[in-house]
PDB file of N, CA and C in Angstrom:
ATOM      1  N   UNK A   1     108.300 112.328 117.546  1.00  0.00           N
ATOM      2  CA  UNK A   1     106.975 111.630 116.639  1.00  0.00           C
ATOM      3  C   UNK A   1     105.815 111.415 117.910  1.00  0.00           C
ATOM      4  N   UNK A   2     104.547 111.918 117.183  1.00  0.00           N
ATOM      5  CA  UNK A   2     103.608 111.767 117.864  1.00  0.00           C
ATOM      6  C   UNK A   2     102.041 110.998 116.968  1.00  0.00           C
ATOM      7  N   UNK A   3     101.289 110.731 117.748  1.00  0.00           N
ATOM      8  CA  UNK A   3      99.963 109.883 117.124  1.00  0.00           C
ATOM      9  C   UNK A   3      99.524 111.336 116.395  1.00  0.00           C
ATOM     10  N   UNK A   4      99.057 110.828 115.099  1.00  0.00           N
ATOM     11  CA  UNK A   4      98.311 111.947 114.275  1.00  0.00           C
ATOM     12  C   UNK A   4      99.440 112.346 113.198  1.00  0.00           C
ATOM     13  N   UNK A   5     100.858 111.865 113.422  1.00  0.00           N
ATOM     14  CA  UNK A   5     101.788 112.729 112.510  1.00  0.00           C
ATOM     15  C   UNK A   5     102.015 112.156 111.194  1.00  0.00           C
ATOM     16  N   UNK A   6     101.901 113.200 110.234  1.00  0.00           N
ATOM     17  CA  UNK A   6     101.982 112.723 108.756  1.00  0.00           C
ATOM     18  C   UNK A   6     103.422 112.509 108.423  1.00  0.00           C
ATOM     19  N   UNK A   7     103.853 111.308 107.762  1.00  0.00           N
ATOM     20  CA  UNK A   7     105.312 111.075 107.654  1.00  0.00           C
ATOM     21  C   UNK A   7     105.494 110.310 105.989  1.00  0.00           C
ATOM     22  N   UNK A   8     106.773 110.606 105.478  1.00  0.00           N
ATOM     23  CA  UNK A   8     106.831 109.851 104.403  1.00  0.00           C
ATOM     24  C   UNK A   8     108.297 108.846 104.926  1.00  0.00           C
ATOM     25  N   UNK A   9     107.942 107.308 104.428  1.00  0.00           N
ATOM     26  CA  UNK A   9     108.799 106.667 104.670  1.00  0.00           C
ATOM     27  C   UNK A   9     109.075 105.595 103.526  1.00  0.00           C
ATOM     28  N   UNK A  10     109.790 104.553 103.794  1.00  0.00           N
ATOM     29  CA  UNK A  10     110.378 103.919 102.623  1.00  0.00           C
ATOM     30  C   UNK A  10     109.735 102.457 102.868  1.00  0.00           C
ATOM     31  N   UNK A  11     109.456 101.412 102.341  1.00  0.00           N
ATOM     32  CA  UNK A  11     108.966 100.043 102.533  1.00  0.00           C
ATOM     33  C   UNK A  11     110.326  99.219 102.973  1.00  0.00           C
ATOM     34  N   UNK A  12     110.237  98.876 103.853  1.00  0.00           N
ATOM     35  CA  UNK A  12     111.471  97.864 103.855  1.00  0.00           C
ATOM     36  C   UNK A  12     111.004  96.590 103.983  1.00  0.00           C
ATOM     37  N   UNK A  13     109.869  96.094 103.897  1.00  0.00           N
ATOM     38  CA  UNK A  13     109.632  94.710 104.080  1.00  0.00           C
ATOM     39  C   UNK A  13     108.208  94.457 104.036  1.00  0.00           C
ATOM     40  N   UNK A  14     107.619  93.138 103.331  1.00  0.00           N
ATOM     41  CA  UNK A  14     106.420  92.973 102.990  1.00  0.00           C
ATOM     42  C   UNK A  14     106.127  91.760 103.163  1.00  0.00           C
ATOM     43  N   UNK A  15     105.377  91.458 104.329  1.00  0.00           N
ATOM     44  CA  UNK A  15     104.650  90.391 104.741  1.00  0.00           C
ATOM     45  C   UNK A  15     102.965  90.083 104.578  1.00  0.00           C
ATOM     46  N   UNK A  16     103.119  88.559 105.025  1.00  0.00           N
ATOM     47  CA  UNK A  16     101.160  88.454 104.290  1.00  0.00           C
ATOM     48  C   UNK A  16     100.447  89.394 105.434  1.00  0.00           C
ATOM     49  N   UNK A  17     100.979  89.910 106.078  1.00  0.00           N
ATOM     50  CA  UNK A  17      99.828  90.781 107.177  1.00  0.00           C
ATOM     51  C   UNK A  17     100.153  91.847 107.293  1.00  0.00           C
ATOM     52  N   UNK A  18     101.382  92.272 106.318  1.00  0.00           N
ATOM     53  CA  UNK A  18     101.271  94.064 106.564  1.00  0.00           C
ATOM     54  C   UNK A  18     102.820  94.624 106.043  1.00  0.00           C
ATOM     55  N   UNK A  19     102.806  95.692 105.415  1.00  0.00           N
ATOM     56  CA  UNK A  19     104.044  96.586 105.113  1.00  0.00           C
ATOM     57  C   UNK A  19     105.015  97.062 106.219  1.00  0.00           C
ATOM     58  N   UNK A  20     106.241  96.557 106.232  1.00  0.00           N
ATOM     59  CA  UNK A  20     107.189  97.377 107.235  1.00  0.00           C
ATOM     60  C   UNK A  20     107.617  98.275 106.603  1.00  0.00           C
ATOM     61  N   UNK A  21     107.656  99.503 107.056  1.00  0.00           N
ATOM     62  CA  UNK A  21     108.201 101.046 106.614  1.00  0.00           C
ATOM     63  C   UNK A  21     109.134 101.432 107.777  1.00  0.00           C
ATOM     64  N   UNK A  22     110.107 101.956 106.918  1.00  0.00           N
ATOM     65  CA  UNK A  22     111.335 102.852 107.325  1.00  0.00           C
ATOM     66  C   UNK A  22     111.256 104.147 107.914  1.00  0.00           C
ATOM     67  N   UNK A  23     110.852 104.729 108.967  1.00  0.00           N
ATOM     68  CA  UNK A  23     110.565 106.008 108.952  1.00  0.00           C
ATOM     69  C   UNK A  23     112.155 106.956 109.089  1.00  0.00           C
ATOM     70  N   UNK A  24     112.700 106.825 109.766  1.00  0.00           N
ATOM     71  CA  UNK A  24     113.946 107.430 109.400  1.00  0.00           C
ATOM     72  C   UNK A  24     115.224 106.184 109.916  1.00  0.00           C
ATOM     73  N   UNK A  25     116.302 106.831 110.273  1.00  0.00           N
ATOM     74  CA  UNK A  25     117.608 105.558 110.771  1.00  0.00           C
ATOM     75  C   UNK A  25     117.075 104.662 112.231  1.00  0.00           C
ATOM     76  N   UNK A  26     116.462 105.517 113.270  1.00  0.00           N
ATOM     77  CA  UNK A  26     115.991 105.088 114.143  1.00  0.00           C
ATOM     78  C   UNK A  26     114.764 104.076 114.327  1.00  0.00           C
ATOM     79  N   UNK A  27     113.602 104.912 113.333  1.00  0.00           N
ATOM     80  CA  UNK A  27     112.137 103.869 113.519  1.00  0.00           C
ATOM     81  C   UNK A  27     111.624 103.542 112.649  1.00  0.00           C
ATOM     82  N   UNK A  28     111.258 102.412 112.785  1.00  0.00           N
ATOM     83  CA  UNK A  28     110.537 101.520 111.873  1.00  0.00           C
ATOM     84  C   UNK A  28     109.190 101.177 112.067  1.00  0.00           C
ATOM     85  N   UNK A  29     107.991 101.136 111.389  1.00  0.00           N
ATOM     86  CA  UNK A  29     106.578 101.140 111.612  1.00  0.00           C
ATOM     87  C   UNK A  29     106.025 100.076 110.874  1.00  0.00           C
ATOM     88  N   UNK A  30     104.987  99.430 111.198  1.00  0.00           N
ATOM     89  CA  UNK A  30     104.127  98.482 110.732  1.00  0.00           C
ATOM     90  C   UNK A  30     102.423  99.178 109.850  1.00  0.00           C
ATOM     91  N   UNK A  31     102.626  98.720 108.926  1.00  0.00           N
ATOM     92  CA  UNK A  31     101.046  99.084 108.344  1.00  0.00           C
ATOM     93  C   UNK A  31     100.340  97.728 108.096  1.00  0.00           C
ATOM     94  N   UNK A  32      99.355  97.430 109.011  1.00  0.00           N
ATOM     95  CA  UNK A  32      98.720  96.296 108.951  1.00  0.00           C
ATOM     96  C   UNK A  32      97.830  96.136 107.541  1.00  0.00           C
ATOM     97  N   UNK A  33      97.845  94.972 106.857  1.00  0.00           N
ATOM     98  CA  UNK A  33      96.941  95.186 105.917  1.00  0.00           C
ATOM     99  C   UNK A  33      95.411  95.724 105.760  1.00  0.00           C
ATOM    100  N   UNK A  34      95.039  95.798 107.039  1.00  0.00           N
ATOM    101  CA  UNK A  34      93.742  96.399 107.062  1.00  0.00           C
ATOM    102  C   UNK A  34      94.033  97.682 106.911  1.00  0.00           C
ATOM    103  N   UNK A  35      95.027  98.594 107.095  1.00  0.00           N
ATOM    104  CA  UNK A  35      95.074  99.975 107.150  1.00  0.00           C
ATOM    105  C   UNK A  35      96.155 100.180 105.913  1.00  0.00           C
ATOM    106  N   UNK A  36      96.270  99.334 104.898  1.00  0.00           N
ATOM    107  CA  UNK A  36      97.028  99.762 103.533  1.00  0.00           C
ATOM    108  C   UNK A  36      95.633 100.620 102.827  1.00  0.00           C
ATOM    109  N   UNK A  37      94.698 100.314 102.831  1.00  0.00           N
ATOM    110  CA  UNK A  37      93.646 100.945 101.761  1.00  0.00           C
ATOM    111  C   UNK A  37      92.389 100.643 102.278  1.00  0.00           C
ATOM    112  N   UNK A  38      91.119 101.263 101.724  1.00  0.00           N
ATOM    113  CA  UNK A  38      89.987 100.848 101.756  1.00  0.00           C
ATOM    114  C   UNK A  38      89.286  99.438 100.829  1.00  0.00           C
ATOM    115  N   UNK A  39      88.458  98.494 101.448  1.00  0.00           N
ATOM    116  CA  UNK A  39      88.244  97.471 100.835  1.00  0.00           C
ATOM    117  C   UNK A  39      89.434  96.162 101.183  1.00  0.00           C
ATOM    118  N   UNK A  40      89.574  95.245 100.141  1.00  0.00           N
ATOM    119  CA  UNK A  40      90.029  94.286  99.969  1.00  0.00           C
ATOM    120  C   UNK A  40      91.495  94.172  99.528  1.00  0.00           C
ATOM    121  N   UNK A  41      92.265  93.523 100.159  1.00  0.00           N
ATOM    122  CA  UNK A  41      93.900  94.147  99.413  1.00  0.00           C
ATOM    123  C   UNK A  41      94.026  92.294  99.369  1.00  0.00           C
ATOM    124  N   UNK A  42      94.268  92.342  97.843  1.00  0.00           N
ATOM    125  CA  UNK A  42      94.339  91.003  97.336  1.00  0.00           C
ATOM    126  C   UNK A  42      95.892  90.392  97.383  1.00  0.00           C
ATOM    127  N   UNK A  43      96.878  90.972  97.021  1.00  0.00           N
ATOM    128  CA  UNK A  43      98.594  90.688  96.857  1.00  0.00           C
ATOM    129  C   UNK A  43      99.046  91.742  97.321  1.00  0.00           C
ATOM    130  N   UNK A  44      99.907  91.566  98.808  1.00  0.00           N
ATOM    131  CA  UNK A  44     100.715  92.779  98.681  1.00  0.00           C
ATOM    132  C   UNK A  44     102.233  92.431  98.023  1.00  0.00           C
ATOM    133  N   UNK A  45     102.484  91.680  97.492  1.00  0.00           N
ATOM    134  CA  UNK A  45     103.531  91.418  96.951  1.00  0.00           C
ATOM    135  C   UNK A  45     103.720  92.178  95.744  1.00  0.00           C
ATOM    136  N   UNK A  46     103.063  92.191  95.090  1.00  0.00           N
ATOM    137  CA  UNK A  46     102.466  92.777  93.647  1.00  0.00           C
ATOM    138  C   UNK A  46     102.260  94.024  93.774  1.00  0.00           C
ATOM    139  N   UNK A  47     101.623  94.798  94.905  1.00  0.00           N
ATOM    140  CA  UNK A  47     101.587  96.356  94.795  1.00  0.00           C
ATOM    141  C   UNK A  47     102.774  97.321  95.711  1.00  0.00           C
ATOM    142  N   UNK A  48     103.154  96.459  97.100  1.00  0.00           N
ATOM    143  CA  UNK A  48     104.112  96.925  97.478  1.00  0.00           C
ATOM    144  C   UNK A  48     105.583  96.513  97.604  1.00  0.00           C
ATOM    145  N   UNK A  49     106.611  97.188  97.068  1.00  0.00           N
ATOM    146  CA  UNK A  49     107.873  96.767  96.766  1.00  0.00           C
ATOM    147  C   UNK A  49     108.973  97.418  97.789  1.00  0.00           C
ATOM    148  N   UNK A  50     109.671  96.699  98.154  1.00  0.00           N
ATOM    149  CA  UNK A  50     110.939  97.103  99.241  1.00  0.00           C
ATOM    150  C   UNK A  50     111.509  98.327  98.178  1.00  0.00           C
ATOM    151  N   UNK A  51     111.771  99.353  99.028  1.00  0.00           N
ATOM    152  CA  UNK A  51     112.317 100.510  98.586  1.00  0.00           C
ATOM    153  C   UNK A  51     111.358 101.796  98.096  1.00  0.00           C
ATOM    154  N   UNK A  52     110.212 101.407  97.533  1.00  0.00           N
ATOM    155  CA  UNK A  52     109.085 102.421  97.496  1.00  0.00           C
ATOM    156  C   UNK A  52     109.006 103.335  98.815  1.00  0.00           C
ATOM    157  N   UNK A  53     108.512 104.585  98.486  1.00  0.00           N
ATOM    158  CA  UNK A  53     108.236 105.850  99.565  1.00  0.00           C
ATOM    159  C   UNK A  53     106.759 105.753  99.431  1.00  0.00           C
ATOM    160  N   UNK A  54     106.513 105.788 100.746  1.00  0.00           N
ATOM    161  CA  UNK A  54     104.913 106.284 100.930  1.00  0.00           C
ATOM    162  C   UNK A  54     104.579 106.976 102.213  1.00  0.00           C
ATOM    163  N   UNK A  55     103.567 107.680 101.875  1.00  0.00           N
ATOM    164  CA  UNK A  55     103.146 108.274 102.714  1.00  0.00           C
ATOM    165  C   UNK A  55     102.164 107.793 104.000  1.00  0.00           C
ATOM    166  N   UNK A  56     102.185 108.003 104.968  1.00  0.00           N
ATOM    167  CA  UNK A  56     101.723 106.968 106.394  1.00  0.00           C
ATOM    168  C   UNK A  56     101.332 108.390 107.391  1.00  0.00           C
ATOM    169  N   UNK A  57     100.466 107.787 108.216  1.00  0.00           N
ATOM    170  CA  UNK A  57     100.148 108.595 109.624  1.00  0.00           C
ATOM    171  C   UNK A  57     100.099 107.875 110.474  1.00  0.00           C
ATOM    172  N   UNK A  58     100.641 108.406 111.953  1.00  0.00           N
ATOM    173  CA  UNK A  58     101.362 107.324 112.877  1.00  0.00           C
ATOM    174  C   UNK A  58      99.686 107.372 113.403  1.00  0.00           C
ATOM    175  N   UNK A  59      99.358 105.838 113.801  1.00  0.00           N
ATOM    176  CA  UNK A  59      98.354 105.572 114.379  1.00  0.00           C
ATOM    177  C   UNK A  59      98.356 104.845 115.793  1.00  0.00           C
ATOM    178  N   UNK A  60      99.545 104.549 116.327  1.00  0.00           N
ATOM    179  CA  UNK A  60      99.936 104.167 117.933  1.00  0.00           C
ATOM    180  C   UNK A  60     101.355 104.048 117.711  1.00  0.00           C
ATOM    181  N   UNK A  61     101.613 104.587 119.174  1.00  0.00           N
ATOM    182  CA  UNK A  61     103.166 104.047 119.641  1.00  0.00           C
ATOM    183  C   UNK A  61     102.741 103.267 120.785  1.00  0.00           C
ATOM    184  N   UNK A  62     103.435 102.180 120.823  1.00  0.00           N
ATOM    185  CA  UNK A  62     103.585 101.190 122.281  1.00  0.00           C
ATOM    186  C   UNK A  62     105.193 101.631 122.559  1.00  0.00           C
ATOM    187  N   UNK A  63     104.985 102.385 123.625  1.00  0.00           N
ATOM    188  CA  UNK A  63     106.478 102.555 124.560  1.00  0.00           C
ATOM    189  C   UNK A  63     106.990 101.686 124.680  1.00  0.00           C
ATOM    190  N   UNK A  64     106.359 100.247 125.216  1.00  0.00           N
ATOM    191  CA  UNK A  64     106.848  99.460 126.074  1.00  0.00           C
ATOM    192  C   UNK A  64     107.528  98.531 125.365  1.00  0.00           C
ATOM    193  N   UNK A  65     107.155  98.299 123.909  1.00  0.00           N
ATOM    194  CA  UNK A  65     107.403  97.311 122.723  1.00  0.00           C
ATOM    195  C   UNK A  65     108.111  97.825 121.656  1.00  0.00           C
ATOM    196  N   UNK A  66     108.192  99.501 121.923  1.00  0.00           N
ATOM    197  CA  UNK A  66     108.875 100.204 120.916  1.00  0.00           C
ATOM    198  C   UNK A  66     108.084  99.732 119.508  1.00  0.00           C
ATOM    199  N   UNK A  67     106.847  99.689 119.423  1.00  0.00           N
ATOM    200  CA  UNK A  67     106.116  99.545 118.064  1.00  0.00           C
ATOM    201  C   UNK A  67     105.307 100.480 117.612  1.00  0.00           C
ATOM    202  N   UNK A  68     105.513 100.745 116.291  1.00  0.00           N
ATOM    203  CA  UNK A  68     104.504 101.998 115.821  1.00  0.00           C
ATOM    204  C   UNK A  68     104.003 101.637 114.895  1.00  0.00           C
ATOM    205  N   UNK A  69     102.301 102.009 114.935  1.00  0.00           N
ATOM    206  CA  UNK A  69     101.636 101.347 114.163  1.00  0.00           C
ATOM    207  C   UNK A  69     100.988 102.659 112.966  1.00  0.00           C
ATOM    208  N   UNK A  70     100.952 102.084 111.716  1.00  0.00           N
ATOM    209  CA  UNK A  70     100.916 102.902 110.753  1.00  0.00           C
ATOM    210  C   UNK A  70      99.824 102.817 110.046  1.00  0.00           C
ATOM    211  N   UNK A  71      99.369 103.846 108.916  1.00  0.00           N
ATOM    212  CA  UNK A  71      98.272 103.649 108.314  1.00  0.00           C
ATOM    213  C   UNK A  71      98.313 104.493 107.079  1.00  0.00           C
ATOM    214  N   UNK A  72      97.851 103.960 105.906  1.00  0.00           N
ATOM    215  CA  UNK A  72      97.684 104.808 104.900  1.00  0.00           C
ATOM    216  C   UNK A  72      96.161 104.771 104.220  1.00  0.00           C
ATOM    217  N   UNK A  73      95.429 104.344 105.076  1.00  0.00           N
ATOM    218  CA  UNK A  73      94.284 104.082 104.592  1.00  0.00           C
ATOM    219  C   UNK A  73      93.495 105.289 105.209  1.00  0.00           C
ATOM    220  N   UNK A  74      93.996 105.558 106.015  1.00  0.00           N
ATOM    221  CA  UNK A  74      93.843 107.118 106.974  1.00  0.00           C
ATOM    222  C   UNK A  74      93.798 108.378 106.416  1.00  0.00           C
ATOM    223  N   UNK A  75      94.681 108.167 105.479  1.00  0.00           N
ATOM    224  CA  UNK A  75      95.163 109.196 104.383  1.00  0.00           C
ATOM    225  C   UNK A  75      94.411 109.537 102.909  1.00  0.00           C
ATOM    226  N   UNK A  76      93.503 108.399 102.870  1.00  0.00           N
ATOM    227  CA  UNK A  76      92.624 108.311 101.857  1.00  0.00           C
ATOM    228  C   UNK A  76      91.301 108.488 102.034  1.00  0.00           C
ATOM    229  N   UNK A  77      90.442 109.134 100.833  1.00  0.00           N
ATOM    230  CA  UNK A  77      89.199 109.687 101.216  1.00  0.00           C
ATOM    231  C   UNK A  77      88.577 108.239 101.421  1.00  0.00           C
ATOM    232  N   UNK A  78      87.524 108.450 102.108  1.00  0.00           N
ATOM    233  CA  UNK A  78      86.637 106.743 102.601  1.00  0.00           C
ATOM    234  C   UNK A  78      85.403 106.761 101.357  1.00  0.00           C
ATOM    235  N   UNK A  79      85.454 105.814 100.750  1.00  0.00           N
ATOM    236  CA  UNK A  79      84.262 105.306  99.954  1.00  0.00           C
ATOM    237  C   UNK A  79      83.581 104.682 100.688  1.00  0.00           C
ATOM    238  N   UNK A  80      82.024 105.235 100.660  1.00  0.00           N
ATOM    239  CA  UNK A  80      80.897 104.756 101.114  1.00  0.00           C
ATOM    240  C   UNK A  80      80.098 103.949 100.452  1.00  0.00           C
ATOM    241  N   UNK A  81      80.120 102.857 100.556  1.00  0.00           N
ATOM    242  CA  UNK A  81      78.615 102.140  99.714  1.00  0.00           C
ATOM    243  C   UNK A  81      79.394 101.725  98.328  1.00  0.00           C
ATOM    244  N   UNK A  82      78.504 101.046  97.623  1.00  0.00           N
ATOM    245  CA  UNK A  82      78.614 101.170  96.291  1.00  0.00           C
ATOM    246  C   UNK A  82      78.085 102.346  94.971  1.00  0.00           C
ATOM    247  N   UNK A  83      78.658 102.131  93.761  1.00  0.00           N
ATOM    248  CA  UNK A  83      78.001 103.135  93.395  1.00  0.00           C
ATOM    249  C   UNK A  83      76.484 102.842  92.882  1.00  0.00           C
ATOM    250  N   UNK A  84      75.586 103.826  92.657  1.00  0.00           N
ATOM    251  CA  UNK A  84      74.263 103.212  92.031  1.00  0.00           C
ATOM    252  C   UNK A  84      74.444 102.912  90.363  1.00  0.00           C
ATOM    253  N   UNK A  85      74.099 101.522  90.428  1.00  0.00           N
ATOM    254  CA  UNK A  85      74.418 101.099  88.807  1.00  0.00           C
ATOM    255  C   UNK A  85      73.082 101.523  88.217  1.00  0.00           C
ATOM    256  N   UNK A  86      71.777 101.572  88.612  1.00  0.00           N
ATOM    257  CA  UNK A  86      70.481 101.689  87.888  1.00  0.00           C
ATOM    258  C   UNK A  86      69.658 101.772  89.031  1.00  0.00           C
ATOM    259  N   UNK A  87      68.572 102.516  88.827  1.00  0.00           N
ATOM    260  CA  UNK A  87      67.622 102.874  89.497  1.00  0.00           C
ATOM    261  C   UNK A  87      66.589 101.517  90.163  1.00  0.00           C
ATOM    262  N   UNK A  88      66.005 101.316  91.029  1.00  0.00           N
ATOM    263  CA  UNK A  88      64.530 100.259  91.208  1.00  0.00           C
ATOM    264  C   UNK A  88      63.468 101.438  91.254  1.00  0.00           C
ATOM    265  N   UNK A  89      62.512 100.638  90.485  1.00  0.00           N
ATOM    266  CA  UNK A  89      61.188 101.199  90.711  1.00  0.00           C
ATOM    267  C   UNK A  89      60.415 100.303  91.420  1.00  0.00           C
ATOM    268  N   UNK A  90      59.405 100.467  92.195  1.00  0.00           N
ATOM    269  CA  UNK A  90      58.425  99.782  92.516  1.00  0.00           C
ATOM    270  C   UNK A  90      57.044  99.387  91.520  1.00  0.00           C
ATOM    271  N   UNK A  91      57.269  98.393  90.880  1.00  0.00           N
ATOM    272  CA  UNK A  91      56.130  98.132  90.063  1.00  0.00           C
ATOM    273  C   UNK A  91      56.207  96.486  90.100  1.00  0.00           C
ATOM    274  N   UNK A  92      55.100  96.041  89.408  1.00  0.00           N
ATOM    275  CA  UNK A  92      54.697  94.701  89.485  1.00  0.00           C
ATOM    276  C   UNK A  92      55.711  93.575  88.636  1.00  0.00           C
ATOM    277  N   UNK A  93      56.176  94.772  87.487  1.00  0.00           N
ATOM    278  CA  UNK A  93      57.284  93.583  86.662  1.00  0.00           C
ATOM    279  C   UNK A  93      57.515  92.265  87.366  1.00  0.00           C
ATOM    280  N   UNK A  94      58.130  92.267  88.173  1.00  0.00           N
ATOM    281  CA  UNK A  94      59.118  90.893  88.846  1.00  0.00           C
ATOM    282  C   UNK A  94      57.767  89.867  88.858  1.00  0.00           C
ATOM    283  N   UNK A  95      56.197  90.290  89.162  1.00  0.00           N
ATOM    284  CA  UNK A  95      55.251  88.998  89.071  1.00  0.00           C
ATOM    285  C   UNK A  95      55.151  88.558  87.760  1.00  0.00           C
ATOM    286  N   UNK A  96      56.149  89.173  86.746  1.00  0.00           N
ATOM    287  CA  UNK A  96      55.921  88.734  85.348  1.00  0.00           C
ATOM    288  C   UNK A  96      57.053  87.814  84.839  1.00  0.00           C
ATOM    289  N   UNK A  97      58.476  88.068  85.862  1.00  0.00           N
ATOM    290  CA  UNK A  97      59.426  87.337  85.411  1.00  0.00           C
ATOM    291  C   UNK A  97      60.137  86.315  86.131  1.00  0.00           C
ATOM    292  N   UNK A  98      59.322  86.436  87.432  1.00  0.00           N
ATOM    293  CA  UNK A  98      60.230  85.377  88.647  1.00  0.00           C
ATOM    294  C   UNK A  98      59.174  85.042  89.659  1.00  0.00           C
ATOM    295  N   UNK A  99      58.150  85.969  89.985  1.00  0.00           N
ATOM    296  CA  UNK A  99      57.546  85.566  91.287  1.00  0.00           C
ATOM    297  C   UNK A  99      56.260  84.759  90.915  1.00  0.00           C
ATOM    298  N   UNK A 100      55.767  84.217  89.634  1.00  0.00           N
ATOM    299  CA  UNK A 100      54.749  83.813  89.267  1.00  0.00           C
ATOM    300  C   UNK A 100      53.926  82.754  90.310  1.00  0.00           C
ATOM    301  N   UNK A 101      54.727  81.756  90.558  1.00  0.00           N
ATOM    302  CA  UNK A 101      54.243  81.085  91.496  1.00  0.00           C
ATOM    303  C   UNK A 101      53.477  81.595  92.996  1.00  0.00           C
ATOM    304  N   UNK A 102      54.120  82.435  93.768  1.00  0.00           N
ATOM    305  CA  UNK A 102      53.595  83.297  94.637  1.00  0.00           C
ATOM    306  C   UNK A 102      52.722  84.181  94.313  1.00  0.00           C
ATOM    307  N   UNK A 103      52.546  85.010  93.329  1.00  0.00           N
ATOM    308  CA  UNK A 103      51.370  85.559  92.841  1.00  0.00           C
ATOM    309  C   UNK A 103      50.553  84.698  92.480  1.00  0.00           C
ATOM    310  N   UNK A 104      50.421  83.671  91.760  1.00  0.00           N
ATOM    311  CA  UNK A 104      49.200  82.957  91.370  1.00  0.00           C
ATOM    312  C   UNK A 104      48.729  82.087  92.809  1.00  0.00           C
ATOM    313  N   UNK A 105      49.392  81.821  93.870  1.00  0.00           N
ATOM    314  CA  UNK A 105      49.121  81.420  95.054  1.00  0.00           C
ATOM    315  C   UNK A 105      49.063  82.244  96.404  1.00  0.00           C
ATOM    316  N   UNK A 106      48.903  83.539  96.303  1.00  0.00           N
ATOM    317  CA  UNK A 106      49.127  84.217  97.195  1.00  0.00           C
ATOM    318  C   UNK A 106      47.554  84.637  97.881  1.00  0.00           C
ATOM    319  N   UNK A 107      46.440  84.885  96.922  1.00  0.00           N
ATOM    320  CA  UNK A 107      45.339  85.067  97.351  1.00  0.00           C
ATOM    321  C   UNK A 107      44.715  83.729  98.087  1.00  0.00           C
ATOM    322  N   UNK A 108      44.971  82.606  97.755  1.00  0.00           N
ATOM    323  CA  UNK A 108      44.370  81.308  98.360  1.00  0.00           C
ATOM    324  C   UNK A 108      45.328  80.987  99.487  1.00  0.00           C
ATOM    325  N   UNK A 109      46.716  81.477  99.982  1.00  0.00           N
ATOM    326  CA  UNK A 109      46.995  81.225 100.913  1.00  0.00           C
ATOM    327  C   UNK A 109      46.446  82.500 101.686  1.00  0.00           C
ATOM    328  N   UNK A 110      46.466  83.450 101.670  1.00  0.00           N
ATOM    329  CA  UNK A 110      46.234  84.538 102.517  1.00  0.00           C
ATOM    330  C   UNK A 110      44.578  84.096 102.767  1.00  0.00           C
ATOM    331  N   UNK A 111      43.895  83.699 102.157  1.00  0.00           N
ATOM    332  CA  UNK A 111      42.182  82.970 102.573  1.00  0.00           C
ATOM    333  C   UNK A 111      42.441  82.129 103.576  1.00  0.00           C
ATOM    334  N   UNK A 112      43.064  80.952 103.449  1.00  0.00           N
ATOM    335  CA  UNK A 112      43.365  79.950 104.402  1.00  0.00           C
ATOM    336  C   UNK A 112      44.024  80.662 105.419  1.00  0.00           C
ATOM    337  N   UNK A 113      44.884  81.392 105.306  1.00  0.00           N
ATOM    338  CA  UNK A 113      45.475  82.034 106.709  1.00  0.00           C
ATOM    339  C   UNK A 113      44.316  82.683 107.691  1.00  0.00           C
ATOM    340  N   UNK A 114      43.449  83.627 106.935  1.00  0.00           N
ATOM    341  CA  UNK A 114      42.401  84.197 107.504  1.00  0.00           C
ATOM    342  C   UNK A 114      41.268  83.361 108.099  1.00  0.00           C
ATOM    343  N   UNK A 115      41.317  82.052 107.542  1.00  0.00           N
ATOM    344  CA  UNK A 115      39.956  80.919 108.017  1.00  0.00           C
ATOM    345  C   UNK A 115      40.510  80.265 109.008  1.00  0.00           C
ATOM    346  N   UNK A 116      42.026  80.238 109.692  1.00  0.00           N
ATOM    347  CA  UNK A 116      42.449  79.850 110.357  1.00  0.00           C
ATOM    348  C   UNK A 116      42.387  80.322 111.400  1.00  0.00           C
ATOM    349  N   UNK A 117      42.536  81.719 111.425  1.00  0.00           N
ATOM    350  CA  UNK A 117      42.640  82.954 112.460  1.00  0.00           C
ATOM    351  C   UNK A 117      41.254  83.045 112.992  1.00  0.00           C
ATOM    352  N   UNK A 118      40.252  82.859 112.004  1.00  0.00           N
ATOM    353  CA  UNK A 118      38.669  82.978 112.474  1.00  0.00           C
ATOM    354  C   UNK A 118      38.463  81.749 113.353  1.00  0.00           C
ATOM    355  N   UNK A 119      38.830  80.539 113.170  1.00  0.00           N
ATOM    356  CA  UNK A 119      38.430  79.357 113.604  1.00  0.00           C
ATOM    357  C   UNK A 119      38.928  79.224 114.608  1.00  0.00           C
ATOM    358  N   UNK A 120      40.214  79.752 114.939  1.00  0.00           N
ATOM    359  CA  UNK A 120      40.804  80.193 116.292  1.00  0.00           C
ATOM    360  C   UNK A 120      40.312  80.996 117.242  1.00  0.00           C
ATOM    361  N   UNK A 121      39.729  82.238 116.923  1.00  0.00           N
ATOM    362  CA  UNK A 121      38.897  83.114 117.703  1.00  0.00           C
ATOM    363  C   UNK A 121      37.985  82.182 117.756  1.00  0.00           C
ATOM    364  N   UNK A 122      37.100  81.863 116.645  1.00  0.00           N
ATOM    365  CA  UNK A 122      35.877  81.170 117.170  1.00  0.00           C
ATOM    366  C   UNK A 122      35.642  80.377 118.562  1.00  0.00           C
ATOM    367  N   UNK A 123      36.919  79.425 118.524  1.00  0.00           N
ATOM    368  CA  UNK A 123      37.684  78.358 119.785  1.00  0.00           C
ATOM    369  C   UNK A 123      37.596  79.261 120.705  1.00  0.00           C
ATOM    370  N   UNK A 124      38.621  79.970 120.980  1.00  0.00           N
ATOM    371  CA  UNK A 124      38.954  80.917 121.790  1.00  0.00           C
ATOM    372  C   UNK A 124      37.335  81.508 122.199  1.00  0.00           C
ATOM    373  N   UNK A 125      36.709  82.337 121.770  1.00  0.00           N
ATOM    374  CA  UNK A 125      35.544  83.158 122.194  1.00  0.00           C
ATOM    375  C   UNK A 125      34.780  81.808 122.975  1.00  0.00           C
ATOM    376  N   UNK A 126      34.137  80.746 122.763  1.00  0.00           N
ATOM    377  CA  UNK A 126      33.576  79.645 123.228  1.00  0.00           C
ATOM    378  C   UNK A 126      33.735  79.233 124.708  1.00  0.00           C
ATOM    379  N   UNK A 127      35.244  79.341 125.015  1.00  0.00           N
ATOM    380  CA  UNK A 127      35.822  79.125 126.158  1.00  0.00           C
ATOM    381  C   UNK A 127      35.623  80.201 127.238  1.00  0.00           C
ATOM    382  N   UNK A 128      35.051  81.362 126.666  1.00  0.00           N
ATOM    383  CA  UNK A 128      34.889  82.649 127.445  1.00  0.00           C
ATOM    384  C   UNK A 128      33.456  82.802 128.041  1.00  0.00           C
TER     385      UNK A 128
END
């Protein structure tokens, strides 16, 4: 057995942190909960049952402790991001539905900020 080998095993135990898989009469490995699938795993006991056959890939072998790390997630195609549910267009429609306060006060805020900057520049120029 080597790292990267694809094997079929039988689930021999289910714990809150992962699933134990018997690979043959001699070897057993652990699929950590983070290596079961892409995304969140809500309930291991309802999805994985003792005796079920699963395809796994060997991720690591600790020869000192005789522990084998397995993964099912590595055999699944990766889902990147979330599906696009609708397109976003850059328009001013938000001014009409939720940002009225900002839209109505924006001009006054910009004018006040520019006035403060101007006063600060005049004050600094008198020291030169």
